[in-house]
Amino acid sequence: MSAEELTPQEAARWAARAGQPLEEVRHAQVAATAQHIHSVVSVLRELDFGDTPPAAAYHVGRAERAVRAGEEKRDAAV
C-alpha cells in the first residue's frame, strides 16, 4: 500500500484478493481503519530503538534480578 490514502474501492479489492470479500457498506470503514493502521506503523518505523534487544531476548525475572542486584550494590556502597 502506498503512502497515499487508500480508497474504499482499493480496500475492497485488497480484501477480495486476501479471500475476505466485503459488503459494499463496509468498504469505507475498512479503508479508514487500514489507513489508520498504516499511519501508526509509519510512526513506529521512525523510532530509533538503538541497542534495545528484540522482545525474544527478554526473560521475565532476569530484569527483576538485575534491578535487585543493582539496588543491593547501591545500598552496600552507602
PDB file of N, CA and C in Angstrom:
ATOM      1  N   MET A   1       0.852  -1.171   0.000  1.00  0.00           N
ATOM      2  CA  MET A   1       0.000   0.000   0.000  1.00  0.00           C
ATOM      3  C   MET A   1       0.894   1.229   0.000  1.00  0.00           C
ATOM      4  N   SER A   2       0.565   2.178  -0.831  1.00  0.00           N
ATOM      5  CA  SER A   2       1.370   3.389  -0.913  1.00  0.00           C
ATOM      6  C   SER A   2       1.037   4.312   0.254  1.00  0.00           C
ATOM      7  N   ALA A   3       1.819   5.396   0.366  1.00  0.00           N
ATOM      8  CA  ALA A   3       1.580   6.361   1.429  1.00  0.00           C
ATOM      9  C   ALA A   3       0.330   7.193   1.151  1.00  0.00           C
ATOM     10  N   GLU A   4      -0.177   7.130  -0.077  1.00  0.00           N
ATOM     11  CA  GLU A   4      -1.400   7.850  -0.398  1.00  0.00           C
ATOM     12  C   GLU A   4      -2.583   7.176   0.284  1.00  0.00           C
ATOM     13  N   GLU A   5      -3.653   7.937   0.429  1.00  0.00           N
ATOM     14  CA  GLU A   5      -4.832   7.418   1.120  1.00  0.00           C
ATOM     15  C   GLU A   5      -5.448   6.253   0.350  1.00  0.00           C
ATOM     16  N   LEU A   6      -5.808   5.220   1.060  1.00  0.00           N
ATOM     17  CA  LEU A   6      -6.444   4.036   0.495  1.00  0.00           C
ATOM     18  C   LEU A   6      -7.909   4.347   0.211  1.00  0.00           C
ATOM     19  N   THR A   7      -8.350   4.117  -1.001  1.00  0.00           N
ATOM     20  CA  THR A   7      -9.749   4.366  -1.348  1.00  0.00           C
ATOM     21  C   THR A   7     -10.600   3.170  -0.946  1.00  0.00           C
ATOM     22  N   PRO A   8     -11.897   3.398  -0.759  1.00  0.00           N
ATOM     23  CA  PRO A   8     -12.782   2.276  -0.428  1.00  0.00           C
ATOM     24  C   PRO A   8     -12.755   1.176  -1.493  1.00  0.00           C
ATOM     25  N   GLN A   9     -12.636   1.560  -2.752  1.00  0.00           N
ATOM     26  CA  GLN A   9     -12.584   0.565  -3.825  1.00  0.00           C
ATOM     27  C   GLN A   9     -11.308  -0.275  -3.733  1.00  0.00           C
ATOM     28  N   GLU A  10     -10.205   0.375  -3.404  1.00  0.00           N
ATOM     29  CA  GLU A  10      -8.952  -0.370  -3.250  1.00  0.00           C
ATOM     30  C   GLU A  10      -9.029  -1.312  -2.041  1.00  0.00           C
ATOM     31  N   ALA A  11      -9.644  -0.839  -0.960  1.00  0.00           N
ATOM     32  CA  ALA A  11      -9.795  -1.688   0.220  1.00  0.00           C
ATOM     33  C   ALA A  11     -10.599  -2.934  -0.122  1.00  0.00           C
ATOM     34  N   ALA A  12     -11.666  -2.756  -0.903  1.00  0.00           N
ATOM     35  CA  ALA A  12     -12.494  -3.901  -1.304  1.00  0.00           C
ATOM     36  C   ALA A  12     -11.697  -4.857  -2.181  1.00  0.00           C
ATOM     37  N   ARG A  13     -10.888  -4.299  -3.079  1.00  0.00           N
ATOM     38  CA  ARG A  13     -10.078  -5.138  -3.970  1.00  0.00           C
ATOM     39  C   ARG A  13      -9.047  -5.930  -3.171  1.00  0.00           C
ATOM     40  N   TRP A  14      -8.368  -5.265  -2.234  1.00  0.00           N
ATOM     41  CA  TRP A  14      -7.366  -5.952  -1.419  1.00  0.00           C
ATOM     42  C   TRP A  14      -8.005  -7.017  -0.538  1.00  0.00           C
ATOM     43  N   ALA A  15      -9.163  -6.713   0.017  1.00  0.00           N
ATOM     44  CA  ALA A  15      -9.856  -7.697   0.858  1.00  0.00           C
ATOM     45  C   ALA A  15     -10.266  -8.915   0.044  1.00  0.00           C
ATOM     46  N   ALA A  16     -10.800  -8.678  -1.140  1.00  0.00           N
ATOM     47  CA  ALA A  16     -11.195  -9.801  -2.006  1.00  0.00           C
ATOM     48  C   ALA A  16      -9.978 -10.632  -2.394  1.00  0.00           C
ATOM     49  N   ARG A  17      -8.877  -9.947  -2.663  1.00  0.00           N
ATOM     50  CA  ARG A  17      -7.642 -10.643  -3.039  1.00  0.00           C
ATOM     51  C   ARG A  17      -7.140 -11.529  -1.898  1.00  0.00           C
ATOM     52  N   ALA A  18      -7.399 -11.094  -0.666  1.00  0.00           N
ATOM     53  CA  ALA A  18      -6.984 -11.866   0.505  1.00  0.00           C
ATOM     54  C   ALA A  18      -8.004 -12.927   0.892  1.00  0.00           C
ATOM     55  N   GLY A  19      -9.071 -13.041   0.105  1.00  0.00           N
ATOM     56  CA  GLY A  19     -10.079 -14.051   0.385  1.00  0.00           C
ATOM     57  C   GLY A  19     -11.125 -13.611   1.397  1.00  0.00           C
ATOM     58  N   GLN A  20     -11.237 -12.315   1.629  1.00  0.00           N
ATOM     59  CA  GLN A  20     -12.195 -11.779   2.595  1.00  0.00           C
ATOM     60  C   GLN A  20     -13.082 -10.733   1.921  1.00  0.00           C
ATOM     61  N   PRO A  21     -13.966 -11.165   1.031  1.00  0.00           N
ATOM     62  CA  PRO A  21     -14.812 -10.178   0.348  1.00  0.00           C
ATOM     63  C   PRO A  21     -15.659  -9.384   1.348  1.00  0.00           C
ATOM     64  N   LEU A  22     -15.839  -8.094   1.049  1.00  0.00           N
ATOM     65  CA  LEU A  22     -16.558  -7.195   1.941  1.00  0.00           C
ATOM     66  C   LEU A  22     -17.888  -6.774   1.342  1.00  0.00           C
ATOM     67  N   GLU A  23     -18.858  -6.552   2.217  1.00  0.00           N
ATOM     68  CA  GLU A  23     -20.103  -5.940   1.768  1.00  0.00           C
ATOM     69  C   GLU A  23     -19.780  -4.485   1.420  1.00  0.00           C
ATOM     70  N   GLU A  24     -20.484  -3.932   0.474  1.00  0.00           N
ATOM     71  CA  GLU A  24     -20.179  -2.586  -0.012  1.00  0.00           C
ATOM     72  C   GLU A  24     -20.262  -1.534   1.092  1.00  0.00           C
ATOM     73  N   VAL A  25     -21.169  -1.710   2.041  1.00  0.00           N
ATOM     74  CA  VAL A  25     -21.318  -0.718   3.107  1.00  0.00           C
ATOM     75  C   VAL A  25     -20.084  -0.657   4.023  1.00  0.00           C
ATOM     76  N   ARG A  26     -19.222  -1.659   3.974  1.00  0.00           N
ATOM     77  CA  ARG A  26     -18.043  -1.698   4.851  1.00  0.00           C
ATOM     78  C   ARG A  26     -16.780  -1.193   4.179  1.00  0.00           C
ATOM     79  N   HIS A  27     -16.805  -0.931   2.883  1.00  0.00           N
ATOM     80  CA  HIS A  27     -15.587  -0.532   2.162  1.00  0.00           C
ATOM     81  C   HIS A  27     -14.929   0.703   2.787  1.00  0.00           C
ATOM     82  N   ALA A  28     -15.711   1.739   3.050  1.00  0.00           N
ATOM     83  CA  ALA A  28     -15.145   2.982   3.585  1.00  0.00           C
ATOM     84  C   ALA A  28     -14.587   2.773   4.991  1.00  0.00           C
ATOM     85  N   GLN A  29     -15.282   1.990   5.809  1.00  0.00           N
ATOM     86  CA  GLN A  29     -14.808   1.730   7.171  1.00  0.00           C
ATOM     87  C   GLN A  29     -13.487   0.971   7.160  1.00  0.00           C
ATOM     88  N   VAL A  30     -13.402  -0.018   6.309  1.00  0.00           N
ATOM     89  CA  VAL A  30     -12.174  -0.811   6.223  1.00  0.00           C
ATOM     90  C   VAL A  30     -11.027   0.044   5.688  1.00  0.00           C
ATOM     91  N   ALA A  31     -11.303   0.877   4.707  1.00  0.00           N
ATOM     92  CA  ALA A  31     -10.267   1.765   4.162  1.00  0.00           C
ATOM     93  C   ALA A  31      -9.761   2.718   5.240  1.00  0.00           C
ATOM     94  N   ALA A  32     -10.658   3.293   6.030  1.00  0.00           N
ATOM     95  CA  ALA A  32     -10.258   4.214   7.098  1.00  0.00           C
ATOM     96  C   ALA A  32      -9.436   3.493   8.163  1.00  0.00           C
ATOM     97  N   THR A  33      -9.839   2.289   8.518  1.00  0.00           N
ATOM     98  CA  THR A  33      -9.098   1.513   9.512  1.00  0.00           C
ATOM     99  C   THR A  33      -7.706   1.158   9.003  1.00  0.00           C
ATOM    100  N   ALA A  34      -7.625   0.724   7.753  1.00  0.00           N
ATOM    101  CA  ALA A  34      -6.321   0.383   7.170  1.00  0.00           C
ATOM    102  C   ALA A  34      -5.420   1.606   7.103  1.00  0.00           C
ATOM    103  N   GLN A  35      -5.984   2.762   6.780  1.00  0.00           N
ATOM    104  CA  GLN A  35      -5.192   3.992   6.712  1.00  0.00           C
ATOM    105  C   GLN A  35      -4.674   4.365   8.101  1.00  0.00           C
ATOM    106  N   HIS A  36      -5.495   4.183   9.115  1.00  0.00           N
ATOM    107  CA  HIS A  36      -5.065   4.483  10.483  1.00  0.00           C
ATOM    108  C   HIS A  36      -3.929   3.545  10.906  1.00  0.00           C
ATOM    109  N   ILE A  37      -4.080   2.271  10.639  1.00  0.00           N
ATOM    110  CA  ILE A  37      -3.025   1.300  10.977  1.00  0.00           C
ATOM    111  C   ILE A  37      -1.734   1.664  10.247  1.00  0.00           C
ATOM    112  N   HIS A  38      -1.854   2.028   8.990  1.00  0.00           N
ATOM    113  CA  HIS A  38      -0.682   2.416   8.206  1.00  0.00           C
ATOM    114  C   HIS A  38       0.011   3.632   8.830  1.00  0.00           C
ATOM    115  N   SER A  39      -0.761   4.607   9.291  1.00  0.00           N
ATOM    116  CA  SER A  39      -0.158   5.797   9.889  1.00  0.00           C
ATOM    117  C   SER A  39       0.557   5.461  11.194  1.00  0.00           C
ATOM    118  N   VAL A  40      -0.004   4.560  11.994  1.00  0.00           N
ATOM    119  CA  VAL A  40       0.630   4.156  13.250  1.00  0.00           C
ATOM    120  C   VAL A  40       1.929   3.400  12.977  1.00  0.00           C
ATOM    121  N   VAL A  41       1.880   2.475  12.040  1.00  0.00           N
ATOM    122  CA  VAL A  41       3.077   1.699  11.710  1.00  0.00           C
ATOM    123  C   VAL A  41       4.167   2.603  11.149  1.00  0.00           C
ATOM    124  N   SER A  42       3.788   3.606  10.384  1.00  0.00           N
ATOM    125  CA  SER A  42       4.770   4.551   9.841  1.00  0.00           C
ATOM    126  C   SER A  42       5.518   5.266  10.965  1.00  0.00           C
ATOM    127  N   VAL A  43       4.804   5.658  12.002  1.00  0.00           N
ATOM    128  CA  VAL A  43       5.441   6.322  13.139  1.00  0.00           C
ATOM    129  C   VAL A  43       6.370   5.348  13.861  1.00  0.00           C
ATOM    130  N   LEU A  44       5.930   4.120  14.052  1.00  0.00           N
ATOM    131  CA  LEU A  44       6.766   3.129  14.732  1.00  0.00           C
ATOM    132  C   LEU A  44       8.044   2.848  13.969  1.00  0.00           C
ATOM    133  N   ARG A  45       7.976   2.864  12.647  1.00  0.00           N
ATOM    134  CA  ARG A  45       9.175   2.614  11.837  1.00  0.00           C
ATOM    135  C   ARG A  45      10.210   3.712  11.993  1.00  0.00           C
ATOM    136  N   GLU A  46       9.795   4.904  12.396  1.00  0.00           N
ATOM    137  CA  GLU A  46      10.719   6.020  12.550  1.00  0.00           C
ATOM    138  C   GLU A  46      11.429   6.017  13.896  1.00  0.00           C
ATOM    139  N   LEU A  47      10.961   5.220  14.842  1.00  0.00           N
ATOM    140  CA  LEU A  47      11.574   5.194  16.164  1.00  0.00           C
ATOM    141  C   LEU A  47      12.948   4.542  16.108  1.00  0.00           C
ATOM    142  N   ASP A  48      13.874   5.104  16.874  1.00  0.00           N
ATOM    143  CA  ASP A  48      15.218   4.557  16.947  1.00  0.00           C
ATOM    144  C   ASP A  48      15.336   3.764  18.244  1.00  0.00           C
ATOM    145  N   PHE A  49      15.392   2.458  18.123  1.00  0.00           N
ATOM    146  CA  PHE A  49      15.484   1.617  19.303  1.00  0.00           C
ATOM    147  C   PHE A  49      16.930   1.349  19.711  1.00  0.00           C
ATOM    148  N   GLY A  50      17.870   1.814  18.907  1.00  0.00           N
ATOM    149  CA  GLY A  50      19.281   1.720  19.268  1.00  0.00           C
ATOM    150  C   GLY A  50      19.707   0.332  19.674  1.00  0.00           C
ATOM    151  N   ASP A  51      20.152   0.203  20.916  1.00  0.00           N
ATOM    152  CA  ASP A  51      20.667  -1.065  21.425  1.00  0.00           C
ATOM    153  C   ASP A  51      19.604  -1.919  22.098  1.00  0.00           C
ATOM    154  N   THR A  52      18.348  -1.569  21.920  1.00  0.00           N
ATOM    155  CA  THR A  52      17.279  -2.337  22.542  1.00  0.00           C
ATOM    156  C   THR A  52      17.204  -3.722  21.910  1.00  0.00           C
ATOM    157  N   PRO A  53      17.336  -4.765  22.700  1.00  0.00           N
ATOM    158  CA  PRO A  53      17.270  -6.114  22.130  1.00  0.00           C
ATOM    159  C   PRO A  53      15.838  -6.453  21.712  1.00  0.00           C
ATOM    160  N   PRO A  54      15.683  -7.390  20.804  1.00  0.00           N
ATOM    161  CA  PRO A  54      14.334  -7.798  20.404  1.00  0.00           C
ATOM    162  C   PRO A  54      13.593  -8.431  21.570  1.00  0.00           C
ATOM    163  N   ALA A  55      12.281  -8.430  21.502  1.00  0.00           N
ATOM    164  CA  ALA A  55      11.460  -8.950  22.592  1.00  0.00           C
ATOM    165  C   ALA A  55      11.789 -10.406  22.909  1.00  0.00           C
ATOM    166  N   ALA A  56      12.195 -11.168  21.914  1.00  0.00           N
ATOM    167  CA  ALA A  56      12.510 -12.581  22.142  1.00  0.00           C
ATOM    168  C   ALA A  56      13.702 -12.746  23.089  1.00  0.00           C
ATOM    169  N   ALA A  57      14.536 -11.710  23.229  1.00  0.00           N
ATOM    170  CA  ALA A  57      15.702 -11.785  24.105  1.00  0.00           C
ATOM    171  C   ALA A  57      15.355 -11.467  25.550  1.00  0.00           C
ATOM    172  N   TYR A  58      14.142 -10.978  25.811  1.00  0.00           N
ATOM    173  CA  TYR A  58      13.733 -10.601  27.164  1.00  0.00           C
ATOM    174  C   TYR A  58      13.265 -11.831  27.926  1.00  0.00           C
ATOM    175  N   HIS A  59      13.727 -11.965  29.151  1.00  0.00           N
ATOM    176  CA  HIS A  59      13.319 -13.073  30.011  1.00  0.00           C
ATOM    177  C   HIS A  59      12.759 -12.502  31.308  1.00  0.00           C
ATOM    178  N   VAL A  60      11.540 -12.849  31.611  1.00  0.00           N
ATOM    179  CA  VAL A  60      10.905 -12.376  32.840  1.00  0.00           C
ATOM    180  C   VAL A  60      11.714 -12.883  34.029  1.00  0.00           C
ATOM    181  N   GLY A  61      11.927 -12.024  34.950  1.00  0.00           N
ATOM    182  CA  GLY A  61      12.691 -12.400  36.129  1.00  0.00           C
ATOM    183  C   GLY A  61      14.131 -11.942  36.036  1.00  0.00           C
ATOM    184  N   ARG A  62      14.743 -12.071  34.875  1.00  0.00           N
ATOM    185  CA  ARG A  62      16.136 -11.656  34.724  1.00  0.00           C
ATOM    186  C   ARG A  62      16.246 -10.151  34.956  1.00  0.00           C
ATOM    187  N   ALA A  63      15.312  -9.383  34.394  1.00  0.00           N
ATOM    188  CA  ALA A  63      15.343  -7.935  34.577  1.00  0.00           C
ATOM    189  C   ALA A  63      15.108  -7.586  36.042  1.00  0.00           C
ATOM    190  N   GLU A  64      14.196  -8.286  36.688  1.00  0.00           N
ATOM    191  CA  GLU A  64      13.924  -8.027  38.100  1.00  0.00           C
ATOM    192  C   GLU A  64      15.144  -8.348  38.954  1.00  0.00           C
ATOM    193  N   ARG A  65      15.828  -9.451  38.656  1.00  0.00           N
ATOM    194  CA  ARG A  65      17.036  -9.811  39.406  1.00  0.00           C
ATOM    195  C   ARG A  65      18.118  -8.758  39.206  1.00  0.00           C
ATOM    196  N   ALA A  66      18.246  -8.234  37.984  1.00  0.00           N
ATOM    197  CA  ALA A  66      19.257  -7.216  37.699  1.00  0.00           C
ATOM    198  C   ALA A  66      18.967  -5.940  38.475  1.00  0.00           C
ATOM    199  N   VAL A  67      17.701  -5.573  38.571  1.00  0.00           N
ATOM    200  CA  VAL A  67      17.325  -4.377  39.330  1.00  0.00           C
ATOM    201  C   VAL A  67      17.631  -4.577  40.800  1.00  0.00           C
ATOM    202  N   ARG A  68      17.252  -5.745  41.343  1.00  0.00           N
ATOM    203  CA  ARG A  68      17.526  -6.022  42.752  1.00  0.00           C
ATOM    204  C   ARG A  68      19.025  -6.025  43.026  1.00  0.00           C
ATOM    205  N   ALA A  69      19.817  -6.605  42.124  1.00  0.00           N
ATOM    206  CA  ALA A  69      21.268  -6.647  42.312  1.00  0.00           C
ATOM    207  C   ALA A  69      21.837  -5.232  42.304  1.00  0.00           C
ATOM    208  N   GLY A  70      21.325  -4.398  41.418  1.00  0.00           N
ATOM    209  CA  GLY A  70      21.788  -3.005  41.369  1.00  0.00           C
ATOM    210  C   GLY A  70      21.432  -2.263  42.640  1.00  0.00           C
ATOM    211  N   GLU A  71      20.245  -2.509  43.176  1.00  0.00           N
ATOM    212  CA  GLU A  71      19.834  -1.867  44.426  1.00  0.00           C
ATOM    213  C   GLU A  71      20.699  -2.347  45.583  1.00  0.00           C
ATOM    214  N   GLU A  72      21.019  -3.634  45.607  1.00  0.00           N
ATOM    215  CA  GLU A  72      21.858  -4.176  46.676  1.00  0.00           C
ATOM    216  C   GLU A  72      23.253  -3.568  46.634  1.00  0.00           C
ATOM    217  N   LYS A  73      23.804  -3.419  45.424  1.00  0.00           N
ATOM    218  CA  LYS A  73      25.137  -2.800  45.294  1.00  0.00           C
ATOM    219  C   LYS A  73      25.091  -1.357  45.764  1.00  0.00           C
ATOM    220  N   ARG A  74      24.028  -0.640  45.399  1.00  0.00           N
ATOM    221  CA  ARG A  74      23.901   0.759  45.794  1.00  0.00           C
ATOM    222  C   ARG A  74      23.773   0.853  47.306  1.00  0.00           C
ATOM    223  N   ASP A  75      22.962  -0.009  47.920  1.00  0.00           N
ATOM    224  CA  ASP A  75      22.786   0.020  49.375  1.00  0.00           C
ATOM    225  C   ASP A  75      24.081  -0.337  50.092  1.00  0.00           C
ATOM    226  N   ALA A  76      24.867  -1.262  49.532  1.00  0.00           N
ATOM    227  CA  ALA A  76      26.127  -1.659  50.167  1.00  0.00           C
ATOM    228  C   ALA A  76      27.148  -0.532  50.125  1.00  0.00           C
ATOM    229  N   ALA A  77      27.076   0.304  49.086  1.00  0.00           N
ATOM    230  CA  ALA A  77      28.026   1.384  48.943  1.00  0.00           C
ATOM    231  C   ALA A  77      27.750   2.520  49.925  1.00  0.00           C
ATOM    232  N   VAL A  78      26.519   2.582  50.435  1.00  0.00           N
ATOM    233  CA  VAL A  78      26.141   3.679  51.334  1.00  0.00           C
ATOM    234  C   VAL A  78      26.561   3.419  52.720  1.00  0.00           C
TER     235      VAL A  78
END
